[in-house]
């Protein structure tokens, strides 16, 4: 068994052993796996504190602002390739056209995406992923979950994350040596952009709950294109499919 599998197996065992520590009446309906999620969150938080965050802070400190902007723009341009089919699958044909125009402009005038020339032309990024598309189609979100190494997701978003890889040029690039280095750089840049939120998580009375609610609210905001319904959050995990 690989080391990663040993770690996950241990986390599952801890979570199952601790199921009784969270009485059913205290569990949120959209987080029925909280007893398992919490030890995984502890693992992710510790891993982030001692590895990912220091690397991201070092990169943020050493890299000049133009370099950080160019790295972000480059990866955002690659992500646009995945935005386009998701706009189409959601019936947002005008937005798909705009994102196509954005991709063309940034890939040419923007020197391969390093410069965000499209935003100056009024074509801003409109992120869409398969998790959002599946939700727009009416598929149930399923329970909230913490995934070792990846962090918070719902069951539906986990499936969407896997599907996103097939429309991501970086994951499909054939040269594994170059691809792996770029993927690591993208993760470091993603973590760098989350640094301003570290204090809020650290100071929260319950960091697990804080991250869970922040993640679910953000996903809801994205699914409804910034205009979610006024009613309270209700993840339909109780659908019979789950």
C-alpha atoms as a PDB file:
ATOM      1  CA  UNK A   1       0.000   0.000   0.000  1.00  0.00           C
ATOM      2  CA  UNK A   2       1.307   3.477  -0.877  1.00  0.00           C
ATOM      3  CA  UNK A   3       2.015   5.985   1.943  1.00  0.00           C
ATOM      4  CA  UNK A   4      -0.860   8.185   0.800  1.00  0.00           C
ATOM      5  CA  UNK A   5      -3.201   5.221   1.080  1.00  0.00           C
ATOM      6  CA  UNK A   6      -1.942   4.524   4.596  1.00  0.00           C
ATOM      7  CA  UNK A   7      -2.688   8.118   5.586  1.00  0.00           C
ATOM      8  CA  UNK A   8      -6.176   8.060   4.093  1.00  0.00           C
ATOM      9  CA  UNK A   9      -6.943   4.707   5.706  1.00  0.00           C
ATOM     10  CA  UNK A  10      -5.863   6.091   9.066  1.00  0.00           C
ATOM     11  CA  UNK A  11      -8.058   9.137   8.623  1.00  0.00           C
ATOM     12  CA  UNK A  12     -11.035   6.967   7.733  1.00  0.00           C
ATOM     13  CA  UNK A  13     -10.443   4.858  10.835  1.00  0.00           C
ATOM     14  CA  UNK A  14     -10.237   7.951  13.037  1.00  0.00           C
ATOM     15  CA  UNK A  15     -13.351   9.393  11.472  1.00  0.00           C
ATOM     16  CA  UNK A  16     -15.347   6.206  11.852  1.00  0.00           C
ATOM     17  CA  UNK A  17     -14.201   5.845  15.448  1.00  0.00           C
ATOM     18  CA  UNK A  18     -15.290   9.385  16.147  1.00  0.00           C
ATOM     19  CA  UNK A  19     -18.731   9.174  14.581  1.00  0.00           C
ATOM     20  CA  UNK A  20     -20.335   9.044  17.993  1.00  0.00           C
ATOM     21  CA  UNK A  21     -18.561  12.285  18.970  1.00  0.00           C
ATOM     22  CA  UNK A  22     -20.945  14.310  16.817  1.00  0.00           C
ATOM     23  CA  UNK A  23     -24.513  13.615  17.947  1.00  0.00           C
ATOM     24  CA  UNK A  24     -26.998  13.394  15.044  1.00  0.00           C
ATOM     25  CA  UNK A  25     -28.998  16.333  16.362  1.00  0.00           C
ATOM     26  CA  UNK A  26     -25.879  18.545  16.185  1.00  0.00           C
ATOM     27  CA  UNK A  27     -24.954  17.673  12.619  1.00  0.00           C
ATOM     28  CA  UNK A  28     -25.770  20.038   9.787  1.00  0.00           C
ATOM     29  CA  UNK A  29     -28.029  18.310   7.235  1.00  0.00           C
ATOM     30  CA  UNK A  30     -25.580  19.067   4.422  1.00  0.00           C
ATOM     31  CA  UNK A  31     -22.598  17.736   6.403  1.00  0.00           C
ATOM     32  CA  UNK A  32     -23.589  14.260   7.616  1.00  0.00           C
ATOM     33  CA  UNK A  33     -19.959  13.088   7.338  1.00  0.00           C
ATOM     34  CA  UNK A  34     -18.614  15.699   9.758  1.00  0.00           C
ATOM     35  CA  UNK A  35     -17.037  13.121  12.051  1.00  0.00           C
ATOM     36  CA  UNK A  36     -14.889  11.911   9.151  1.00  0.00           C
ATOM     37  CA  UNK A  37     -14.398  15.338   7.600  1.00  0.00           C
ATOM     38  CA  UNK A  38     -12.916  16.937  10.708  1.00  0.00           C
ATOM     39  CA  UNK A  39      -9.790  14.725  10.993  1.00  0.00           C
ATOM     40  CA  UNK A  40      -9.231  15.130   7.250  1.00  0.00           C
ATOM     41  CA  UNK A  41      -9.536  18.900   7.684  1.00  0.00           C
ATOM     42  CA  UNK A  42      -6.961  18.724  10.502  1.00  0.00           C
ATOM     43  CA  UNK A  43      -4.613  16.803   8.224  1.00  0.00           C
ATOM     44  CA  UNK A  44      -5.120  19.292   5.368  1.00  0.00           C
ATOM     45  CA  UNK A  45      -4.655  22.288   7.670  1.00  0.00           C
ATOM     46  CA  UNK A  46      -1.439  20.860   9.140  1.00  0.00           C
ATOM     47  CA  UNK A  47      -0.096  19.975   5.698  1.00  0.00           C
ATOM     48  CA  UNK A  48      -0.893  23.490   4.518  1.00  0.00           C
ATOM     49  CA  UNK A  49       0.621  25.179   7.569  1.00  0.00           C
ATOM     50  CA  UNK A  50       3.974  23.441   7.340  1.00  0.00           C
ATOM     51  CA  UNK A  51       4.387  23.029   3.575  1.00  0.00           C
ATOM     52  CA  UNK A  52       2.023  24.768   1.166  1.00  0.00           C
ATOM     53  CA  UNK A  53       1.682  28.078   2.979  1.00  0.00           C
ATOM     54  CA  UNK A  54       5.439  28.596   3.577  1.00  0.00           C
ATOM     55  CA  UNK A  55       6.133  27.856  -0.087  1.00  0.00           C
ATOM     56  CA  UNK A  56       3.386  30.250  -1.205  1.00  0.00           C
ATOM     57  CA  UNK A  57       4.633  32.978   1.152  1.00  0.00           C
ATOM     58  CA  UNK A  58       8.189  32.534  -0.100  1.00  0.00           C
ATOM     59  CA  UNK A  59       7.023  32.802  -3.692  1.00  0.00           C
ATOM     60  CA  UNK A  60       4.908  35.856  -2.876  1.00  0.00           C
ATOM     61  CA  UNK A  61       7.875  37.525  -1.178  1.00  0.00           C
ATOM     62  CA  UNK A  62      10.531  36.742  -3.784  1.00  0.00           C
ATOM     63  CA  UNK A  63       8.647  37.052  -7.079  1.00  0.00           C
ATOM     64  CA  UNK A  64       8.208  40.591  -8.477  1.00  0.00           C
ATOM     65  CA  UNK A  65       4.636  41.779  -9.003  1.00  0.00           C
ATOM     66  CA  UNK A  66       4.879  41.636 -12.842  1.00  0.00           C
ATOM     67  CA  UNK A  67       6.019  38.010 -12.617  1.00  0.00           C
ATOM     68  CA  UNK A  68       3.151  37.052 -10.307  1.00  0.00           C
ATOM     69  CA  UNK A  69       0.674  38.850 -12.561  1.00  0.00           C
ATOM     70  CA  UNK A  70       2.068  37.101 -15.641  1.00  0.00           C
ATOM     71  CA  UNK A  71       1.920  33.669 -13.993  1.00  0.00           C
ATOM     72  CA  UNK A  72      -1.674  34.194 -12.909  1.00  0.00           C
ATOM     73  CA  UNK A  73      -2.703  35.509 -16.350  1.00  0.00           C
ATOM     74  CA  UNK A  74      -1.031  32.569 -18.095  1.00  0.00           C
ATOM     75  CA  UNK A  75      -2.865  29.961 -16.048  1.00  0.00           C
ATOM     76  CA  UNK A  76      -6.143  31.884 -16.207  1.00  0.00           C
ATOM     77  CA  UNK A  77      -5.869  31.879 -19.994  1.00  0.00           C
ATOM     78  CA  UNK A  78      -5.478  28.085 -19.949  1.00  0.00           C
ATOM     79  CA  UNK A  79      -8.518  27.791 -17.678  1.00  0.00           C
ATOM     80  CA  UNK A  80     -10.560  29.727 -20.231  1.00  0.00           C
ATOM     81  CA  UNK A  81     -10.384  26.683 -22.512  1.00  0.00           C
ATOM     82  CA  UNK A  82     -12.538  24.874 -19.942  1.00  0.00           C
ATOM     83  CA  UNK A  83     -14.852  27.830 -19.356  1.00  0.00           C
ATOM     84  CA  UNK A  84     -16.063  27.821 -22.963  1.00  0.00           C
ATOM     85  CA  UNK A  85     -17.641  24.313 -23.132  1.00  0.00           C
ATOM     86  CA  UNK A  86     -19.264  24.827 -19.728  1.00  0.00           C
ATOM     87  CA  UNK A  87     -20.876  28.063 -20.893  1.00  0.00           C
ATOM     88  CA  UNK A  88     -22.158  26.193 -23.955  1.00  0.00           C
ATOM     89  CA  UNK A  89     -23.479  23.276 -21.879  1.00  0.00           C
ATOM     90  CA  UNK A  90     -25.359  25.772 -19.680  1.00  0.00           C
ATOM     91  CA  UNK A  91     -26.880  27.479 -22.715  1.00  0.00           C
ATOM     92  CA  UNK A  92     -24.891  30.696 -22.215  1.00  0.00           C
ATOM     93  CA  UNK A  93     -23.948  31.084 -25.854  1.00  0.00           C
ATOM     94  CA  UNK A  94     -23.172  34.807 -25.739  1.00  0.00           C
ATOM     95  CA  UNK A  95     -20.858  34.291 -22.774  1.00  0.00           C
ATOM     96  CA  UNK A  96     -19.214  31.369 -24.569  1.00  0.00           C
ATOM     97  CA  UNK A  97     -18.531  33.667 -27.494  1.00  0.00           C
ATOM     98  CA  UNK A  98     -17.035  36.291 -25.217  1.00  0.00           C
ATOM     99  CA  UNK A  99     -14.763  33.769 -23.528  1.00  0.00           C
ATOM    100  CA  UNK A 100     -13.687  32.488 -26.935  1.00  0.00           C
ATOM    101  CA  UNK A 101     -12.803  36.037 -27.934  1.00  0.00           C
ATOM    102  CA  UNK A 102     -10.943  36.463 -24.672  1.00  0.00           C
ATOM    103  CA  UNK A 103      -8.951  33.289 -25.309  1.00  0.00           C
ATOM    104  CA  UNK A 104      -8.002  34.362 -28.828  1.00  0.00           C
ATOM    105  CA  UNK A 105      -6.959  37.875 -27.789  1.00  0.00           C
ATOM    106  CA  UNK A 106      -4.906  36.802 -24.792  1.00  0.00           C
ATOM    107  CA  UNK A 107      -3.275  33.905 -26.647  1.00  0.00           C
ATOM    108  CA  UNK A 108      -2.125  36.249 -29.435  1.00  0.00           C
ATOM    109  CA  UNK A 109      -1.893  39.891 -28.382  1.00  0.00           C
ATOM    110  CA  UNK A 110      -1.379  38.785 -24.785  1.00  0.00           C
ATOM    111  CA  UNK A 111       1.725  36.746 -25.646  1.00  0.00           C
ATOM    112  CA  UNK A 112       0.282  33.359 -24.793  1.00  0.00           C
ATOM    113  CA  UNK A 113      -1.842  34.712 -21.966  1.00  0.00           C
ATOM    114  CA  UNK A 114       0.938  36.365 -19.966  1.00  0.00           C
ATOM    115  CA  UNK A 115      -0.726  39.742 -20.549  1.00  0.00           C
ATOM    116  CA  UNK A 116      -4.464  40.082 -19.940  1.00  0.00           C
ATOM    117  CA  UNK A 117      -5.167  42.191 -23.008  1.00  0.00           C
ATOM    118  CA  UNK A 118      -8.763  40.944 -23.245  1.00  0.00           C
ATOM    119  CA  UNK A 119      -9.843  42.602 -19.994  1.00  0.00           C
ATOM    120  CA  UNK A 120      -8.777  45.965 -21.413  1.00  0.00           C
ATOM    121  CA  UNK A 121     -11.140  45.221 -24.303  1.00  0.00           C
ATOM    122  CA  UNK A 122     -14.022  44.543 -21.896  1.00  0.00           C
ATOM    123  CA  UNK A 123     -13.781  40.745 -22.071  1.00  0.00           C
ATOM    124  CA  UNK A 124     -13.286  39.675 -18.475  1.00  0.00           C
ATOM    125  CA  UNK A 125     -12.976  36.116 -17.237  1.00  0.00           C
ATOM    126  CA  UNK A 126     -16.276  34.372 -16.477  1.00  0.00           C
ATOM    127  CA  UNK A 127     -15.295  31.133 -14.714  1.00  0.00           C
ATOM    128  CA  UNK A 128     -17.505  28.099 -15.226  1.00  0.00           C
ATOM    129  CA  UNK A 129     -16.633  24.525 -14.334  1.00  0.00           C
ATOM    130  CA  UNK A 130     -18.354  21.164 -14.584  1.00  0.00           C
ATOM    131  CA  UNK A 131     -19.423  21.287 -10.949  1.00  0.00           C
ATOM    132  CA  UNK A 132     -21.386  24.446 -11.776  1.00  0.00           C
ATOM    133  CA  UNK A 133     -22.720  22.931 -14.995  1.00  0.00           C
ATOM    134  CA  UNK A 134     -23.968  19.796 -13.249  1.00  0.00           C
ATOM    135  CA  UNK A 135     -25.677  21.976 -10.614  1.00  0.00           C
ATOM    136  CA  UNK A 136     -27.338  24.098 -13.314  1.00  0.00           C
ATOM    137  CA  UNK A 137     -28.608  20.876 -14.868  1.00  0.00           C
ATOM    138  CA  UNK A 138     -30.317  20.129 -11.561  1.00  0.00           C
ATOM    139  CA  UNK A 139     -28.073  17.392 -10.214  1.00  0.00           C
ATOM    140  CA  UNK A 140     -27.976  17.257  -6.391  1.00  0.00           C
ATOM    141  CA  UNK A 141     -24.890  18.580  -4.642  1.00  0.00           C
ATOM    142  CA  UNK A 142     -24.637  15.697  -2.235  1.00  0.00           C
ATOM    143  CA  UNK A 143     -22.992  15.993   1.191  1.00  0.00           C
ATOM    144  CA  UNK A 144     -20.116  18.301   1.986  1.00  0.00           C
ATOM    145  CA  UNK A 145     -16.773  16.532   2.189  1.00  0.00           C
ATOM    146  CA  UNK A 146     -13.101  17.148   2.906  1.00  0.00           C
ATOM    147  CA  UNK A 147     -10.681  15.430   0.522  1.00  0.00           C
ATOM    148  CA  UNK A 148      -7.090  14.763   1.656  1.00  0.00           C
ATOM    149  CA  UNK A 149      -4.779  17.181  -0.143  1.00  0.00           C
ATOM    150  CA  UNK A 150      -7.588  18.917  -2.018  1.00  0.00           C
ATOM    151  CA  UNK A 151      -9.726  20.413   0.714  1.00  0.00           C
ATOM    152  CA  UNK A 152     -13.462  21.200   0.772  1.00  0.00           C
ATOM    153  CA  UNK A 153     -15.878  20.018  -1.881  1.00  0.00           C
ATOM    154  CA  UNK A 154     -19.313  18.517  -2.281  1.00  0.00           C
ATOM    155  CA  UNK A 155     -19.869  15.123  -3.884  1.00  0.00           C
ATOM    156  CA  UNK A 156     -21.019  16.831  -7.083  1.00  0.00           C
ATOM    157  CA  UNK A 157     -18.056  19.206  -7.126  1.00  0.00           C
ATOM    158  CA  UNK A 158     -15.715  16.234  -6.706  1.00  0.00           C
ATOM    159  CA  UNK A 159     -17.139  14.658  -9.852  1.00  0.00           C
ATOM    160  CA  UNK A 160     -16.938  18.026 -11.583  1.00  0.00           C
ATOM    161  CA  UNK A 161     -13.302  18.468 -10.549  1.00  0.00           C
ATOM    162  CA  UNK A 162     -12.448  15.145 -12.197  1.00  0.00           C
ATOM    163  CA  UNK A 163     -14.319  16.126 -15.391  1.00  0.00           C
ATOM    164  CA  UNK A 164     -12.552  19.505 -15.493  1.00  0.00           C
ATOM    165  CA  UNK A 165      -9.231  17.786 -16.061  1.00  0.00           C
ATOM    166  CA  UNK A 166     -10.354  16.639 -19.513  1.00  0.00           C
ATOM    167  CA  UNK A 167     -10.845  20.234 -20.685  1.00  0.00           C
ATOM    168  CA  UNK A 168      -7.711  21.544 -18.978  1.00  0.00           C
ATOM    169  CA  UNK A 169      -4.842  21.938 -21.505  1.00  0.00           C
ATOM    170  CA  UNK A 170      -2.313  21.720 -18.701  1.00  0.00           C
ATOM    171  CA  UNK A 171      -3.448  18.258 -17.570  1.00  0.00           C
ATOM    172  CA  UNK A 172      -3.613  17.103 -21.202  1.00  0.00           C
ATOM    173  CA  UNK A 173      -0.125  18.306 -22.110  1.00  0.00           C
ATOM    174  CA  UNK A 174       1.993  15.374 -23.245  1.00  0.00           C
ATOM    175  CA  UNK A 175       5.380  16.293 -21.775  1.00  0.00           C
ATOM    176  CA  UNK A 176       4.952  15.045 -18.209  1.00  0.00           C
ATOM    177  CA  UNK A 177       8.116  16.727 -16.922  1.00  0.00           C
ATOM    178  CA  UNK A 178       7.001  20.191 -18.052  1.00  0.00           C
ATOM    179  CA  UNK A 179       3.360  19.493 -17.155  1.00  0.00           C
ATOM    180  CA  UNK A 180       4.100  18.454 -13.583  1.00  0.00           C
ATOM    181  CA  UNK A 181       6.266  21.511 -12.928  1.00  0.00           C
ATOM    182  CA  UNK A 182       3.596  23.830 -14.299  1.00  0.00           C
ATOM    183  CA  UNK A 183       0.893  22.123 -12.223  1.00  0.00           C
ATOM    184  CA  UNK A 184       2.985  22.643  -9.075  1.00  0.00           C
ATOM    185  CA  UNK A 185       3.521  26.300 -10.001  1.00  0.00           C
ATOM    186  CA  UNK A 186      -0.213  26.740 -10.523  1.00  0.00           C
ATOM    187  CA  UNK A 187      -0.993  25.252  -7.110  1.00  0.00           C
ATOM    188  CA  UNK A 188       1.596  27.542  -5.513  1.00  0.00           C
ATOM    189  CA  UNK A 189       0.094  30.567  -7.271  1.00  0.00           C
ATOM    190  CA  UNK A 190      -3.420  29.526  -6.242  1.00  0.00           C
ATOM    191  CA  UNK A 191      -2.275  29.252  -2.625  1.00  0.00           C
ATOM    192  CA  UNK A 192      -0.514  32.616  -2.836  1.00  0.00           C
ATOM    193  CA  UNK A 193      -3.772  34.310  -3.787  1.00  0.00           C
ATOM    194  CA  UNK A 194      -5.466  32.794  -0.726  1.00  0.00           C
ATOM    195  CA  UNK A 195      -2.915  34.164   1.737  1.00  0.00           C
ATOM    196  CA  UNK A 196      -5.075  37.194   2.707  1.00  0.00           C
ATOM    197  CA  UNK A 197      -7.702  34.822   4.120  1.00  0.00           C
ATOM    198  CA  UNK A 198      -5.344  32.982   6.458  1.00  0.00           C
ATOM    199  CA  UNK A 199      -5.930  35.253   9.444  1.00  0.00           C
ATOM    200  CA  UNK A 200      -9.699  34.857   9.229  1.00  0.00           C
ATOM    201  CA  UNK A 201      -9.385  31.063   9.276  1.00  0.00           C
ATOM    202  CA  UNK A 202      -6.869  31.094  12.118  1.00  0.00           C
ATOM    203  CA  UNK A 203      -8.968  33.448  14.244  1.00  0.00           C
ATOM    204  CA  UNK A 204     -12.287  31.689  13.629  1.00  0.00           C
ATOM    205  CA  UNK A 205     -13.803  29.989  16.725  1.00  0.00           C
ATOM    206  CA  UNK A 206     -14.162  26.830  14.639  1.00  0.00           C
ATOM    207  CA  UNK A 207     -11.945  26.865  11.555  1.00  0.00           C
ATOM    208  CA  UNK A 208     -13.623  23.768  10.115  1.00  0.00           C
ATOM    209  CA  UNK A 209     -17.075  25.383  10.187  1.00  0.00           C
ATOM    210  CA  UNK A 210     -15.684  28.675   8.874  1.00  0.00           C
ATOM    211  CA  UNK A 211     -14.107  27.000   5.832  1.00  0.00           C
ATOM    212  CA  UNK A 212     -17.143  24.806   5.229  1.00  0.00           C
ATOM    213  CA  UNK A 213     -19.594  27.718   5.206  1.00  0.00           C
ATOM    214  CA  UNK A 214     -17.272  29.938   3.162  1.00  0.00           C
ATOM    215  CA  UNK A 215     -16.817  27.212   0.548  1.00  0.00           C
ATOM    216  CA  UNK A 216     -20.527  26.391   0.253  1.00  0.00           C
ATOM    217  CA  UNK A 217     -21.531  30.054   0.019  1.00  0.00           C
ATOM    218  CA  UNK A 218     -18.919  30.758  -2.632  1.00  0.00           C
ATOM    219  CA  UNK A 219     -20.010  27.771  -4.718  1.00  0.00           C
ATOM    220  CA  UNK A 220     -23.631  28.835  -4.439  1.00  0.00           C
ATOM    221  CA  UNK A 221     -22.628  32.336  -5.534  1.00  0.00           C
ATOM    222  CA  UNK A 222     -20.822  30.938  -8.597  1.00  0.00           C
ATOM    223  CA  UNK A 223     -23.598  28.535  -9.571  1.00  0.00           C
ATOM    224  CA  UNK A 224     -26.132  31.361  -9.637  1.00  0.00           C
ATOM    225  CA  UNK A 225     -23.727  33.793 -11.353  1.00  0.00           C
ATOM    226  CA  UNK A 226     -23.646  36.105  -8.369  1.00  0.00           C
ATOM    227  CA  UNK A 227     -27.428  36.194  -7.846  1.00  0.00           C
ATOM    228  CA  UNK A 228     -28.349  33.280  -5.558  1.00  0.00           C
ATOM    229  CA  UNK A 229     -31.933  32.917  -4.327  1.00  0.00           C
ATOM    230  CA  UNK A 230     -32.711  34.605  -1.030  1.00  0.00           C
ATOM    231  CA  UNK A 231     -33.763  31.428   0.732  1.00  0.00           C
ATOM    232  CA  UNK A 232     -31.369  29.695   3.067  1.00  0.00           C
ATOM    233  CA  UNK A 233     -28.757  27.304   1.768  1.00  0.00           C
ATOM    234  CA  UNK A 234     -30.299  23.874   1.263  1.00  0.00           C
ATOM    235  CA  UNK A 235     -28.062  21.223  -0.244  1.00  0.00           C
ATOM    236  CA  UNK A 236     -30.311  18.448  -1.495  1.00  0.00           C
ATOM    237  CA  UNK A 237     -28.117  15.660  -0.154  1.00  0.00           C
ATOM    238  CA  UNK A 238     -31.215  13.779   0.924  1.00  0.00           C
ATOM    239  CA  UNK A 239     -31.997  12.975  -2.698  1.00  0.00           C
ATOM    240  CA  UNK A 240     -32.494   9.215  -2.963  1.00  0.00           C
ATOM    241  CA  UNK A 241     -29.502   8.981  -5.302  1.00  0.00           C
ATOM    242  CA  UNK A 242     -27.303   9.637  -2.278  1.00  0.00           C
END
